[in-house]
Protein backbone atom coordinates (compact mmCIF):
# COMPACT_ATOMS: atom_id res chain seq x y z
CA MET A 1 33.59 117.55 -132.54
CA THR A 2 36.96 117.97 -130.82
CA ALA A 3 36.90 117.08 -127.12
CA VAL A 4 37.60 119.90 -124.68
CA PRO A 5 40.96 119.29 -122.96
CA LEU A 6 41.04 118.70 -119.23
CA PHE A 7 43.82 121.28 -118.81
CA HIS A 8 44.82 124.04 -121.20
CA ALA A 9 47.36 126.75 -120.37
CA GLU A 10 47.40 129.24 -123.22
CA ASP A 11 50.08 131.81 -124.12
CA ILE A 12 51.48 131.81 -120.58
CA GLN A 13 53.81 134.70 -119.80
CA ALA A 14 55.71 135.23 -116.57
CA ALA A 15 58.39 137.61 -115.36
CA TYR A 16 60.48 138.47 -112.32
CA GLY A 17 60.60 142.23 -112.40
CA LYS A 18 61.87 143.17 -115.85
CA LEU A 19 63.22 139.68 -116.53
CA ARG A 20 60.87 137.77 -118.84
CA VAL A 21 60.97 134.07 -117.94
CA LEU A 22 58.09 132.66 -119.99
CA ASP A 23 57.18 134.05 -123.39
CA GLY A 24 53.94 132.62 -124.72
CA VAL A 25 54.02 128.99 -123.52
CA THR A 26 50.98 126.85 -124.35
CA VAL A 27 50.55 123.38 -122.83
CA THR A 28 47.53 121.08 -123.13
CA VAL A 29 46.76 117.87 -121.23
CA ASP A 30 43.77 115.75 -122.19
CA ALA A 31 41.86 113.59 -119.72
CA GLY A 32 43.90 110.48 -118.90
CA GLU A 33 46.98 111.73 -120.76
CA SER A 34 50.55 111.66 -119.45
CA VAL A 35 52.67 114.67 -120.45
CA ALA A 36 56.26 115.69 -119.63
CA LEU A 37 57.56 119.24 -119.40
CA LEU A 38 61.29 119.12 -120.07
CA GLY A 39 64.00 121.65 -120.62
CA THR A 40 67.29 123.19 -119.65
CA ASN A 41 68.05 124.58 -116.20
CA GLY A 42 66.46 128.00 -115.96
CA ALA A 43 64.15 127.38 -118.93
CA GLY A 44 61.12 128.25 -116.82
CA LYS A 45 59.62 124.82 -116.09
CA SER A 46 58.91 125.36 -112.38
CA THR A 47 57.90 128.96 -113.05
CA PHE A 48 55.34 127.62 -115.52
CA LEU A 49 53.87 125.30 -112.90
CA ARG A 50 53.70 128.03 -110.26
CA SER A 51 52.09 130.39 -112.76
CA VAL A 52 49.38 128.07 -114.06
CA THR A 53 48.46 126.85 -110.56
CA GLY A 54 47.98 130.37 -109.24
CA VAL A 55 50.95 130.38 -106.89
CA GLN A 56 52.66 133.06 -108.96
CA ARG A 57 50.92 135.91 -110.74
CA LEU A 58 50.72 135.66 -114.52
CA ALA A 59 52.09 138.41 -116.72
CA GLY A 60 49.81 137.20 -119.50
CA GLY A 61 47.83 134.22 -120.78
CA ARG A 62 45.03 132.15 -119.30
CA VAL A 63 44.30 128.75 -117.76
CA LEU A 64 41.24 126.69 -118.67
CA ILE A 65 39.96 123.56 -116.92
CA ASP A 66 37.35 121.63 -118.91
CA GLY A 67 37.02 124.74 -121.05
CA THR A 68 36.31 127.04 -118.08
CA ASP A 69 38.65 129.99 -117.54
CA VAL A 70 40.02 129.78 -113.98
CA THR A 71 42.96 132.17 -114.44
CA SER A 72 41.92 134.63 -111.76
CA GLU A 73 40.50 132.14 -109.25
CA GLY A 74 43.68 131.11 -107.43
CA PRO A 75 45.12 127.70 -106.42
CA GLN A 76 41.91 126.45 -104.79
CA ALA A 77 40.11 126.63 -108.14
CA LEU A 78 42.26 123.84 -109.54
CA LEU A 79 41.95 121.73 -106.39
CA ARG A 80 38.15 121.98 -106.50
CA ARG A 81 38.27 120.72 -110.08
CA GLY A 82 40.53 117.78 -109.28
CA ILE A 83 43.88 119.26 -110.38
CA VAL A 84 46.50 118.75 -107.65
CA HIS A 85 49.96 120.34 -107.76
CA ILE A 86 52.90 118.67 -106.01
CA PRO A 87 55.73 121.27 -105.84
CA GLY A 88 59.37 120.30 -106.00
CA GLY A 89 61.40 119.60 -102.88
CA HIS A 90 59.18 116.78 -101.57
CA CYS A 91 56.53 119.24 -100.28
CA THR A 92 56.39 118.08 -96.65
CA PHE A 93 56.14 119.78 -93.26
CA PRO A 94 59.30 118.50 -91.53
CA ALA A 95 58.13 119.02 -87.94
CA LEU A 96 54.80 117.24 -88.41
CA THR A 97 54.37 113.49 -88.22
CA VAL A 98 53.17 111.52 -91.20
CA GLY A 99 49.77 111.11 -89.54
CA GLU A 100 49.47 114.84 -88.88
CA SER A 101 50.47 115.64 -92.46
CA LEU A 102 47.74 113.36 -93.80
CA ARG A 103 45.14 114.82 -91.44
CA ILE A 104 45.95 118.34 -92.66
CA ALA A 105 45.56 117.16 -96.27
CA MET A 106 42.15 115.72 -95.39
CA TRP A 107 41.02 118.84 -93.50
CA PRO A 108 38.54 120.01 -96.20
CA PHE A 109 36.49 116.81 -95.76
CA ARG A 110 37.41 115.97 -92.15
CA LYS A 111 33.73 115.65 -91.12
CA ASP A 112 33.05 113.01 -93.78
CA ALA A 113 34.12 109.88 -91.92
CA ALA A 114 33.53 107.57 -94.88
CA ARG A 115 35.69 109.66 -97.19
CA VAL A 116 38.45 109.98 -94.58
CA ALA A 117 38.46 106.19 -94.17
CA GLN A 118 38.56 105.72 -97.92
CA ALA A 119 41.42 108.20 -98.27
CA HIS A 120 43.45 106.37 -95.63
CA ALA A 121 42.78 103.05 -97.38
CA VAL A 122 44.00 104.40 -100.73
CA VAL A 123 47.12 105.93 -99.16
CA PHE A 124 48.12 102.79 -97.24
CA GLU A 125 47.41 100.51 -100.19
CA THR A 126 49.57 102.68 -102.45
CA PHE A 127 52.30 103.38 -99.88
CA PRO A 128 52.27 100.64 -97.17
CA ILE A 129 55.45 102.09 -95.61
CA LEU A 130 53.55 105.21 -94.54
CA ARG A 131 51.36 103.17 -92.18
CA GLU A 132 54.53 102.14 -90.38
CA ARG A 133 55.73 105.77 -90.28
CA LEU A 134 52.54 107.42 -88.98
CA ASP A 135 54.18 108.67 -85.77
CA GLN A 136 57.48 109.66 -87.38
CA GLN A 137 58.29 113.26 -88.24
CA ALA A 138 58.22 113.90 -91.97
CA GLY A 139 61.62 115.57 -91.82
CA LEU A 140 63.16 112.30 -90.61
CA LEU A 141 61.87 110.28 -93.55
CA SER A 142 64.17 109.32 -96.39
CA GLY A 143 63.96 111.38 -99.57
CA GLY A 144 61.93 108.69 -101.28
CA GLU A 145 59.53 108.39 -98.34
CA GLN A 146 59.05 112.16 -98.31
CA GLN A 147 58.12 112.03 -101.98
CA MET A 148 55.69 109.21 -101.19
CA LEU A 149 54.11 111.38 -98.50
CA ALA A 150 53.79 114.27 -100.93
CA LEU A 151 52.05 111.98 -103.42
CA ALA A 152 49.86 110.55 -100.66
CA ARG A 153 48.73 114.03 -99.60
CA ALA A 154 47.71 114.64 -103.21
CA LEU A 155 45.88 111.33 -103.58
CA VAL A 156 43.48 112.04 -100.70
CA HIS A 157 41.84 114.67 -102.92
CA GLN A 158 40.82 112.04 -105.50
CA PRO A 159 42.64 113.89 -108.30
CA ARG A 160 41.74 113.78 -111.96
CA MET A 161 45.19 115.16 -112.75
CA LEU A 162 48.50 115.42 -110.91
CA ILE A 163 51.00 118.18 -111.64
CA ILE A 164 54.36 116.93 -110.34
CA ASP A 165 57.52 119.04 -110.17
CA GLU A 166 60.74 116.96 -110.30
CA LEU A 167 59.59 113.51 -109.18
CA SER A 168 63.14 112.12 -109.24
CA LEU A 169 65.14 115.08 -107.93
CA GLY A 170 67.98 114.01 -105.64
CA LEU A 171 66.80 110.41 -105.29
CA ALA A 172 68.70 107.15 -105.70
CA PRO A 173 68.00 105.15 -108.89
CA THR A 174 66.30 102.31 -106.99
CA VAL A 175 63.98 104.79 -105.27
CA ILE A 176 63.19 106.46 -108.59
CA GLU A 177 62.24 103.07 -110.03
CA GLY A 178 59.69 102.54 -107.29
CA LEU A 179 58.18 106.00 -107.71
CA ILE A 180 57.97 105.60 -111.49
CA GLN A 181 56.01 102.40 -110.96
CA VAL A 182 53.61 104.12 -108.54
CA VAL A 183 53.04 107.07 -110.85
CA SER A 184 52.62 104.75 -113.83
CA ASP A 185 49.97 102.81 -111.90
CA LEU A 186 48.17 106.04 -111.01
CA HIS A 187 48.17 107.00 -114.68
CA ALA A 188 46.85 103.55 -115.62
CA SER A 189 43.98 104.10 -113.20
CA GLY A 190 42.90 107.13 -115.25
CA ILE A 191 44.71 110.02 -113.56
CA ALA A 192 46.22 112.50 -116.03
CA LEU A 193 49.80 113.67 -115.45
CA LEU A 194 51.82 116.79 -116.15
CA VAL A 195 55.35 116.11 -114.92
CA VAL A 196 58.38 118.40 -114.89
CA GLU A 197 61.53 116.33 -115.33
CA GLN A 198 65.20 116.98 -116.05
CA ARG A 199 66.02 113.50 -117.29
CA LEU A 200 64.61 112.52 -120.66
CA ALA A 201 65.21 108.83 -119.91
CA THR A 202 63.08 109.07 -116.77
CA ALA A 203 60.27 111.01 -118.46
CA ALA A 204 60.15 108.58 -121.37
CA ARG A 205 59.34 105.77 -118.93
CA PHE A 206 55.90 107.07 -117.99
CA THR A 207 54.85 109.90 -120.33
CA ASP A 208 53.45 109.71 -123.85
CA ARG A 209 53.93 113.29 -124.99
CA ALA A 210 56.42 116.02 -124.16
CA TYR A 211 57.02 119.74 -124.35
CA PHE A 212 60.60 121.02 -124.37
CA LEU A 213 61.21 124.52 -123.00
CA GLU A 214 64.25 126.61 -123.73
CA ARG A 215 64.64 130.31 -122.94
CA GLY A 216 61.00 130.56 -121.96
CA LYS A 217 59.57 129.18 -125.21
CA VAL A 218 58.35 125.79 -126.42
CA GLN A 219 60.97 124.39 -128.80
CA PHE A 220 59.41 120.94 -129.20
CA GLU A 221 55.98 119.37 -128.80
CA GLY A 222 55.31 115.75 -129.66
CA PRO A 223 55.77 112.13 -128.55
CA THR A 224 58.33 111.82 -125.75
CA SER A 225 60.08 109.03 -127.65
CA GLU A 226 60.75 111.38 -130.59
CA LEU A 227 62.50 113.97 -128.43
CA SER A 228 65.54 111.70 -128.07
CA ASN A 229 66.09 112.12 -131.81
CA ARG A 230 66.37 115.90 -131.47
CA GLY A 231 70.07 116.10 -130.70
CA ASP A 232 70.01 119.85 -131.19
CA LEU A 233 67.82 120.14 -128.09
CA VAL A 234 68.86 117.34 -125.78
CA ARG A 235 72.53 116.57 -126.41
CA ALA A 236 74.03 118.95 -123.87
CA VAL A 237 71.19 118.69 -121.39
CA PHE A 238 70.31 115.04 -121.07
CA LEU A 239 73.37 112.97 -121.91
CA SER A 240 74.40 112.49 -118.30
CA GLY A 241 70.83 111.79 -117.16
CA SER A 242 70.06 109.39 -119.99
CA THR A 243 73.23 107.30 -120.01
CA ALA A 244 72.01 105.06 -117.21
């Protein structure tokens, strides 16, 4: 018997007015798997994430978690089932301190003192620098620290799967290295990943399987390592990002 996937987005269609952005995209992530969603600028990667997480209305298709259709249930349906979406742009509230940002993330279980304490322990073990920044405004953090805070706010929900949009966007190579290590460790602990990336070289470091989107359709599905051999897809897109 084939195991039911943790996450299955089937025949996803999305549009902005009359402009069709996604045309029948299907993506599956099994429990504990690490998957990259790659593609050209404007291919629809971020639109796909917004659509399947309920942030943006679908024009067609459905989303199943553990085989249950949650398409019409909204973003909270995924969170309740352990699927946490980290949007692009570091996803922080600039005027709030780090401590306030974490408290807001823990609001759903704020009355459970043991769980709050456990969440803080996980966050500070994973990102020790955030303990030192508790009273600092999130908007004054470095780009890498803001990404750490975004990941920390996701971790407090004890996720089974993280959906991450552009982990490395706008960050220095040394900062990216540190974040790749953190995300790799999270994956090793059993957390599944669906990661939108622009750089094939970065995605290949911590994902096993990849989907390549172009013009709103899946043009490749398979091991991330095999995508580098598809020059027809990646030559113009990834050469600059992969050279390093």
